[in-house]
Amino acid sequence: MNGVILDAESLGLGVDLSPVTRQLTSWSTHPTTQKEDVATRIEYADVVLTNKVMLSREVLGQARQLKHISVMATGTNNIDLTAAREQGITVSNAVGYATPSVSQHVLTLLLNLVTNMPRYLRDTQTGQWQKSPVFCRLDHPIIELSGKTLGIIGLGELGQAVGELAQAFGMTVIAASAQSSPSSKQTHSNIARCDLPTLLRRADVVSLHCPLTAATENLINATSLAAMKPSAFLINTARGALVDSQALLEALEAGDIAGAALDVLAIEPPTLEESLLQVHRPNLLITPHNAWGALESRQRLIQQMADNIQGFCTNKPVRQVNVAAPLPPS
């Protein structure tokens, strides 16, 4: 069988692809794939691996022998799942592979915000410490996490991992109720549930870990930002479109919240006109969607892709997100 990897460059440097490549007899590996090249590259593939390359109904219809797609990510919105099912193509994804990497990134972003680390590093590098009349510099506020409240929106595996790390810092952790129920309840992680308005009102830090859906797009908007404490911080490592970027900029400018840290933007890679990147703001930290990027995390992703392919080949599917309709007899 023939396999194709459409955007291997998205896996970064240092990963070992051999767990995947030994699953099939033949592989074509492409660093990136432009929209106009997708149909040609998958025309004779039996198995396709993609991270963010779009596989539309039109493109899938031109694939002569495609039987399985393994998505090198958790989100599958770049695949027309209905078309795949109708054409007898199974689709599997990756789940939970990056939890340690992303959760430590969340805490890294938060710690940089509350300690004003970027400002202190800049001041030291520009000679401000050398000019100090005393032994230290305390020019920028430093905040302890202990005793503060973290509000998590999206209490899945990742949200719970972040909550456990925050508890280790002495934080109280609450999470938005999936049903927005006014009554709080305890989860097995000892994290209290409450409705979203209560969470926004109580939290010193709000961290987003929910999927992007029609219901959650621009979940953090002018209204929700206004409901937060002026001393609160926002962390988003989930999906960029969960946050109304213009509303966030206005809230930061007005002092409605103390700061924000983002690992995701609505358009990735961002355009040169991306408003969040136009002006340097010391209380707005942005990383290039690399929270998941620890080598260990990426290697787990490769192993899950290998498991997906092996499951397909042995008719024992794993992490399958669709059920292929039976193909009509030829």
Protein backbone atom coordinates (compact mmCIF):
# COMPACT_ATOMS: atom_id res chain seq x y z
CA MET A 1 0.00 0.00 0.00
CA ASN A 2 1.05 3.59 -0.66
CA GLY A 3 1.19 6.25 2.01
CA VAL A 4 1.48 10.04 1.67
CA ILE A 5 2.39 12.62 4.32
CA LEU A 6 1.19 16.00 3.09
CA ASP A 7 2.71 18.42 5.62
CA ALA A 8 5.59 16.73 7.41
CA GLU A 9 7.19 20.09 8.22
CA SER A 10 4.38 20.72 10.72
CA LEU A 11 5.94 18.00 12.89
CA GLY A 12 9.09 20.05 13.43
CA LEU A 13 12.69 18.89 13.70
CA GLY A 14 13.98 15.84 15.51
CA VAL A 15 11.06 13.43 15.26
CA ASP A 16 11.56 9.82 14.19
CA LEU A 17 9.06 8.90 11.46
CA SER A 18 10.04 5.24 11.33
CA PRO A 19 7.09 4.03 13.47
CA VAL A 20 4.86 5.35 10.66
CA THR A 21 6.94 4.55 7.62
CA ARG A 22 7.42 0.89 8.52
CA GLN A 23 3.66 0.36 8.48
CA LEU A 24 3.39 0.47 4.67
CA THR A 25 5.60 -0.57 1.77
CA SER A 26 5.80 2.83 0.06
CA TRP A 27 5.73 6.44 1.29
CA SER A 28 5.84 9.89 -0.28
CA THR A 29 6.70 12.60 2.26
CA HIS A 30 6.15 16.28 1.48
CA PRO A 31 7.30 19.11 3.78
CA THR A 32 4.24 21.17 2.79
CA THR A 33 1.44 20.88 0.24
CA GLN A 34 -0.28 23.76 -1.50
CA LYS A 35 -3.99 23.61 -2.23
CA GLU A 36 -3.46 23.15 -5.96
CA ASP A 37 -1.19 20.12 -5.40
CA VAL A 38 -3.33 18.10 -3.00
CA ALA A 39 -5.36 16.14 -5.55
CA THR A 40 -2.28 15.07 -7.50
CA ARG A 41 -0.39 13.96 -4.41
CA ILE A 42 -3.17 11.78 -3.01
CA GLU A 43 -4.46 10.40 -6.33
CA TYR A 44 -2.86 6.96 -5.88
CA ALA A 45 -2.49 6.94 -2.09
CA ASP A 46 -4.10 4.28 0.08
CA VAL A 47 -3.30 6.13 3.32
CA VAL A 48 -2.88 9.88 3.82
CA LEU A 49 -1.45 11.72 6.81
CA THR A 50 -2.29 15.40 7.15
CA ASN A 51 -2.11 17.96 9.89
CA LYS A 52 -3.76 21.08 8.49
CA VAL A 53 -4.00 20.42 4.73
CA MET A 54 -7.64 20.59 3.64
CA LEU A 55 -9.19 17.44 2.19
CA SER A 56 -12.47 18.61 0.65
CA ARG A 57 -15.18 16.59 -1.03
CA GLU A 58 -13.82 17.63 -4.40
CA VAL A 59 -10.28 16.56 -3.58
CA LEU A 60 -11.36 13.28 -2.00
CA GLY A 61 -13.42 12.52 -5.08
CA GLN A 62 -10.23 12.52 -7.16
CA ALA A 63 -8.43 10.03 -4.93
CA ARG A 64 -8.66 6.73 -6.79
CA GLN A 65 -7.76 4.30 -4.01
CA LEU A 66 -7.74 6.23 -0.75
CA LYS A 67 -8.97 4.11 2.15
CA HIS A 68 -7.70 5.80 5.31
CA ILE A 69 -6.82 9.30 6.55
CA SER A 70 -4.89 9.77 9.78
CA VAL A 71 -5.00 13.35 11.05
CA MET A 72 -1.82 14.49 12.80
CA ALA A 73 -3.85 16.53 15.28
CA THR A 74 -6.99 16.26 17.40
CA GLY A 75 -9.14 18.61 15.30
CA THR A 76 -10.57 17.16 12.10
CA ASN A 77 -12.29 20.26 10.70
CA ASN A 78 -9.94 20.20 7.68
CA ILE A 79 -11.48 16.90 6.52
CA ASP A 80 -14.89 16.57 4.87
CA LEU A 81 -15.93 13.68 7.11
CA THR A 82 -19.25 13.18 5.36
CA ALA A 83 -17.61 12.84 1.97
CA ALA A 84 -14.99 10.50 3.42
CA ARG A 85 -17.66 8.26 4.92
CA GLU A 86 -19.63 8.16 1.69
CA GLN A 87 -16.49 7.17 -0.21
CA GLY A 88 -15.58 4.40 2.21
CA ILE A 89 -12.63 6.29 3.69
CA THR A 90 -12.02 5.91 7.43
CA VAL A 91 -10.59 8.83 9.40
CA SER A 92 -8.65 8.66 12.66
CA ASN A 93 -7.04 11.43 14.68
CA ALA A 94 -4.69 11.96 17.63
CA VAL A 95 -5.86 12.36 21.22
CA GLY A 96 -4.11 13.47 24.41
CA TYR A 97 -0.61 13.28 22.98
CA ALA A 98 0.38 16.84 23.96
CA THR A 99 -1.17 17.19 27.41
CA PRO A 100 2.13 17.50 29.36
CA SER A 101 3.60 19.93 26.82
CA VAL A 102 0.54 22.19 26.57
CA SER A 103 -0.18 22.23 30.29
CA GLN A 104 3.38 23.29 31.14
CA HIS A 105 3.16 25.96 28.42
CA VAL A 106 0.00 27.34 30.03
CA LEU A 107 1.81 27.68 33.35
CA THR A 108 4.86 29.15 31.60
CA LEU A 109 2.73 31.87 30.02
CA LEU A 110 0.97 32.55 33.30
CA LEU A 111 4.20 32.71 35.29
CA ASN A 112 5.67 35.14 32.78
CA LEU A 113 2.63 37.37 33.20
CA VAL A 114 2.45 37.37 36.99
CA THR A 115 6.21 37.83 37.48
CA ASN A 116 6.56 40.40 34.67
CA MET A 117 9.46 38.22 33.52
CA PRO A 118 9.73 39.68 29.98
CA ARG A 119 10.05 43.21 31.38
CA TYR A 120 12.68 42.21 33.94
CA LEU A 121 14.70 40.30 31.34
CA ARG A 122 14.58 43.30 29.03
CA ASP A 123 15.62 45.69 31.80
CA THR A 124 18.55 43.49 32.80
CA GLN A 125 19.70 43.18 29.20
CA THR A 126 19.57 46.96 28.74
CA GLY A 127 21.63 47.77 31.82
CA GLN A 128 18.92 48.88 34.25
CA TRP A 129 20.12 46.62 37.09
CA GLN A 130 23.61 48.13 36.85
CA LYS A 131 22.10 51.56 37.48
CA SER A 132 20.18 50.48 40.59
CA PRO A 133 20.96 52.32 43.88
CA VAL A 134 20.10 49.10 45.79
CA PHE A 135 20.82 45.40 45.21
CA CYS A 136 17.59 44.61 43.33
CA ARG A 137 15.05 46.01 40.88
CA LEU A 138 11.35 45.98 41.71
CA ASP A 139 10.11 48.27 38.95
CA HIS A 140 7.24 46.02 37.81
CA PRO A 141 4.57 44.29 39.93
CA ILE A 142 5.15 40.65 40.93
CA ILE A 143 2.11 38.59 41.90
CA GLU A 144 1.99 35.29 43.78
CA LEU A 145 -0.26 32.59 42.35
CA SER A 146 -0.82 31.04 45.77
CA GLY A 147 -4.28 31.93 47.01
CA LYS A 148 -5.50 33.08 43.60
CA THR A 149 -8.33 31.45 41.63
CA LEU A 150 -7.92 29.82 38.23
CA GLY A 151 -11.05 29.52 36.12
CA ILE A 152 -10.94 26.80 33.46
CA ILE A 153 -13.28 26.82 30.48
CA GLY A 154 -13.18 23.31 29.05
CA LEU A 155 -12.45 20.70 31.71
CA GLY A 156 -11.27 17.83 29.53
CA GLU A 157 -8.00 15.98 29.93
CA LEU A 158 -5.95 19.09 29.24
CA GLY A 159 -8.04 21.38 31.41
CA GLN A 160 -7.73 18.97 34.32
CA ALA A 161 -3.95 18.70 33.85
CA VAL A 162 -3.67 22.49 33.97
CA GLY A 163 -5.88 22.53 37.05
CA GLU A 164 -3.65 20.05 38.85
CA LEU A 165 -0.53 22.11 38.10
CA ALA A 166 -2.28 25.25 39.32
CA GLN A 167 -3.28 23.51 42.53
CA ALA A 168 0.38 22.65 43.09
CA PHE A 169 1.04 26.41 43.11
CA GLY A 170 -1.60 26.84 45.81
CA MET A 171 -4.35 28.11 43.52
CA THR A 172 -8.05 27.43 43.93
CA VAL A 173 -9.38 25.95 40.68
CA ILE A 174 -12.93 26.28 39.35
CA ALA A 175 -14.35 25.26 35.98
CA ALA A 176 -17.27 26.38 33.87
CA SER A 177 -20.17 23.96 34.03
CA ALA A 178 -20.82 22.21 30.75
CA GLN A 179 -24.51 22.94 31.24
CA SER A 180 -23.98 26.40 32.74
CA SER A 181 -25.79 25.14 35.80
CA PRO A 182 -26.11 27.69 38.59
CA SER A 183 -25.29 25.01 41.16
CA SER A 184 -21.65 24.08 41.61
CA LYS A 185 -20.54 20.50 42.00
CA GLN A 186 -17.23 18.72 42.61
CA THR A 187 -15.37 16.73 39.97
CA HIS A 188 -13.04 13.84 40.70
CA SER A 189 -10.18 16.33 40.39
CA ASN A 190 -11.57 18.36 43.29
CA ILE A 191 -12.40 21.18 40.91
CA ALA A 192 -15.67 22.98 41.61
CA ARG A 193 -18.05 23.67 38.72
CA CYS A 194 -19.95 26.91 38.33
CA ASP A 195 -21.72 28.80 35.59
CA LEU A 196 -19.67 30.96 33.22
CA PRO A 197 -20.73 34.37 34.63
CA THR A 198 -19.69 33.24 38.11
CA LEU A 199 -16.37 31.95 36.82
CA LEU A 200 -15.60 35.20 35.03
CA ARG A 201 -16.47 37.19 38.12
CA ARG A 202 -14.42 35.05 40.53
CA ALA A 203 -11.34 34.07 38.54
CA ASP A 204 -7.98 35.79 38.83
CA VAL A 205 -6.90 33.81 35.77
CA VAL A 206 -9.13 32.45 32.99
CA SER A 207 -7.66 29.64 30.89
CA LEU A 208 -9.38 28.38 27.73
CA HIS A 209 -9.35 24.67 26.84
CA CYS A 210 -12.66 24.22 25.00
CA PRO A 211 -13.17 23.32 21.33
CA LEU A 212 -14.10 25.92 18.75
CA THR A 213 -17.76 25.55 17.75
CA ALA A 214 -20.51 27.87 16.61
CA ALA A 215 -21.44 28.25 20.28
CA THR A 216 -17.93 29.07 21.50
CA GLU A 217 -16.70 31.36 18.71
CA ASN A 218 -15.87 34.75 20.28
CA LEU A 219 -16.81 33.31 23.68
CA ILE A 220 -14.41 35.83 25.16
CA ASN A 221 -15.82 39.11 23.87
CA ALA A 222 -16.37 42.64 25.13
CA THR A 223 -19.11 41.50 27.51
CA SER A 224 -17.17 38.63 29.03
CA LEU A 225 -13.99 40.70 29.33
CA ALA A 226 -15.93 43.43 31.11
CA ALA A 227 -17.17 40.81 33.57
CA MET A 228 -13.63 39.85 34.58
CA LYS A 229 -11.64 41.47 37.36
CA PRO A 230 -9.40 44.37 36.29
CA SER A 231 -6.56 42.40 37.90
CA ALA A 232 -7.34 39.18 35.99
CA PHE A 233 -5.32 37.47 33.27
CA LEU A 234 -6.53 35.56 30.21
CA ILE A 235 -4.70 32.52 28.78
CA ASN A 236 -5.68 30.95 25.44
CA THR A 237 -3.89 27.84 24.16
CA ALA A 238 -7.01 26.34 22.58
CA ARG A 239 -8.28 28.06 19.41
CA GLY A 240 -7.72 31.65 18.37
CA ALA A 241 -11.31 32.35 17.36
CA LEU A 242 -12.52 31.71 20.91
CA VAL A 243 -11.40 35.28 21.61
CA ASP A 244 -12.62 38.45 19.91
CA SER A 245 -9.21 39.98 19.21
CA GLN A 246 -10.45 43.56 18.84
CA ALA A 247 -12.35 43.33 22.12
CA LEU A 248 -9.23 41.94 23.80
CA LEU A 249 -7.09 44.80 22.52
CA GLU A 250 -9.62 47.35 23.75
CA ALA A 251 -9.84 45.66 27.15
CA LEU A 252 -6.06 45.69 27.54
CA GLU A 253 -5.88 49.33 26.45
CA ALA A 254 -8.63 50.36 28.88
CA GLY A 255 -7.22 48.31 31.76
CA ASP A 256 -10.33 46.15 31.97
CA ILE A 257 -8.03 43.14 32.50
CA ALA A 258 -4.39 43.05 33.61
CA GLY A 259 -2.96 41.00 30.77
CA ALA A 260 -3.29 38.12 28.35
CA ALA A 261 -1.14 35.37 26.87
CA LEU A 262 -2.04 33.57 23.64
CA ASP A 263 -0.57 30.60 21.80
CA VAL A 264 -3.22 30.66 19.07
CA LEU A 265 -4.69 33.20 16.67
CA ALA A 266 -7.77 33.10 14.46
CA ILE A 267 -5.63 32.95 11.28
CA GLU A 268 -2.44 30.87 11.34
CA PRO A 269 0.15 31.71 10.31
CA PRO A 270 -0.97 35.28 10.97
CA THR A 271 -1.03 37.89 8.27
CA LEU A 272 1.19 40.95 8.42
CA GLU A 273 -1.96 42.92 9.27
CA GLU A 274 -2.80 40.85 12.39
CA SER A 275 -3.99 43.48 14.87
CA LEU A 276 -2.72 41.60 17.92
CA LEU A 277 0.84 41.81 16.57
CA GLN A 278 0.85 45.43 15.43
CA VAL A 279 1.91 47.10 18.68
CA HIS A 280 4.17 45.71 21.40
CA ARG A 281 2.32 45.45 24.69
CA PRO A 282 4.24 44.14 27.70
CA ASN A 283 1.04 42.65 29.14
CA LEU A 284 0.20 40.74 25.94
CA LEU A 285 2.36 37.67 25.31
CA ILE A 286 1.96 35.71 22.08
CA THR A 287 3.72 32.44 21.19
CA PRO A 288 3.53 30.83 17.71
CA HIS A 289 1.16 27.89 18.37
CA ASN A 290 4.00 25.85 19.82
CA ALA A 291 2.54 24.87 23.19
CA TRP A 292 2.23 21.29 21.92
CA GLY A 293 5.76 21.22 20.54
CA ALA A 294 7.87 19.33 23.08
CA LEU A 295 9.79 16.58 21.29
CA GLU A 296 8.24 13.98 23.56
CA SER A 297 4.79 15.23 22.62
CA ARG A 298 5.52 15.15 18.90
CA GLN A 299 6.97 11.64 19.13
CA ARG A 300 3.81 10.44 20.90
CA LEU A 301 1.87 11.93 18.00
CA ILE A 302 3.94 9.88 15.53
CA GLN A 303 3.29 6.73 17.53
CA GLN A 304 -0.45 7.41 17.53
CA MET A 305 -0.33 7.82 13.74
CA ALA A 306 1.46 4.46 13.48
CA ASP A 307 -1.17 2.87 15.73
CA ASN A 308 -3.94 4.37 13.61
CA ILE A 309 -2.47 2.89 10.43
CA GLN A 310 -1.87 -0.48 12.04
CA GLY A 311 -5.45 -0.49 13.32
CA PHE A 312 -6.70 0.27 9.83
CA CYS A 313 -4.56 -2.45 8.25
CA THR A 314 -5.67 -5.09 10.77
CA ASN A 315 -9.32 -3.99 10.79
CA LYS A 316 -9.00 -3.03 14.46
CA PRO A 317 -9.52 0.76 14.25
CA VAL A 318 -8.32 3.12 16.96
CA ARG A 319 -9.23 6.78 17.44
CA GLN A 320 -11.61 6.54 14.49
CA VAL A 321 -13.80 9.62 14.13
CA ASN A 322 -16.05 8.36 11.34
CA VAL A 323 -17.47 5.05 10.18
CA ALA A 324 -17.00 4.46 6.50
CA ALA A 325 -20.12 3.57 4.57
CA PRO A 326 -19.83 0.29 2.65
CA LEU A 327 -18.74 0.90 -0.91
CA PRO A 328 -21.09 -0.28 -3.67
CA PRO A 329 -19.97 -3.42 -5.49
CA SER A 330 -17.84 -2.70 -8.54
